[in-house]
Structure formats: C-alpha cells, structure tokens
Amino acid sequence: MTRTELEHVIRAAGAIAESDELIIIGSQAILGSFLDPPEELISSMEVDLYPIPEVEQADLIDGSIGEGSPFHDTFGYYAHGVGPETAVLPRHWKDRLVVISNANTRRVNGYCLHPVDIAASKLAAGRERDIEYVRVLKKKKLIEIEQTRNILQTELPAEVAQRITALLDSL
C-alpha cells in the first residue's frame, strides 16, 4: 500500500461514516510517520481503522469498502472497520498519534499510530507476522529500542509489559 492509497481509504471511510476523524491502528499506520517505509511493512492491502466518536460506524465502513467489496475489487485495497479494543496499546498512545490530513483525504483527519505504538500492539498480538513486522522496524531503525522499551515498561500493565519487552529484546 502507498501513502496515496491510504489517503484514498481515509477519504472514503470518512465519507461513509460521516466522520472527519479516523484512527488507523493497523500496520498501514506506518505511512503516517514514513512516506516510503520498507516494502515489508506496507505489503498488506488492508487498513484497520475506526471513526471517532461514532465507533459503531466501523461496521458500515467494513460493509461498504471492506474485503470483497466493489471498492476492494476495483482498487485492490480495502478498509477493515474495527473497534478500539482490537489493539493492546500503551497508556499514552493518543499523545503520539501522527495525523494525515490534506487535499487527498478531503481534510478528513487520519490519526495513525506512532511506530512505537504499532510495535507495542504487534508484540502484544504475538503472531509470527506481527513479530516479523517489529523485527523489520527494529532492523531498519524505524523505532528507537530504548524509547520503545521504556514505553512498554511504563505504559502497559506489568504482566503484559514483561512479556512483550522480552519479545522485543529477543528480536
């Protein structure tokens, strides 16, 4: 997925949900921080997002421009309407959001997770593909390891922090 494609999804999802604000929580949120991230990080054609404040409109987005929709068939990428509970995130993740808002989004604000928060969410999920995603973030120096470790240890419940900090250290 490219930044332009993400902007298209933001524009379409905002129109469908009649919302000027969306939270992008999946792997494609990396496009908020980096215009040209490594290919391994943007290979998914799915944008996990939800509108705010009417989170329940995520189902409408999913049904309208989700997987298997005419939008997906036409463009090759799609939105996956999710809820805030989809991702385990550090306490202050909202303070680090990176906004995409321009003419291509028709001024709909797409608030993308910061790379550190993407890493936390991926490590908490613990799937092999998520761990590999964080491995690339670390290898390409797109996250600062000490900052990430500090956020994990101070902004997550202790048992979660311990488990995912160990995963981060093992990469």
Foldseek 3Di string as FASTA:
>chain_A
DALLLVLLQLQVLCVQLVALEKEFQALVLVCLVDRDDDCLSVVALETEMAGPPPRVCLVSQCVDFNPPHPVCVVPVHGYRRDGPVLFDFFQCQVVQWRWDADVSSVRRTYTGTQPLRLLLRLLLVPDPSSLVSVVSCVVVVVDDLVVSLVRLCPGHPNVSSVRSNVSNVVD
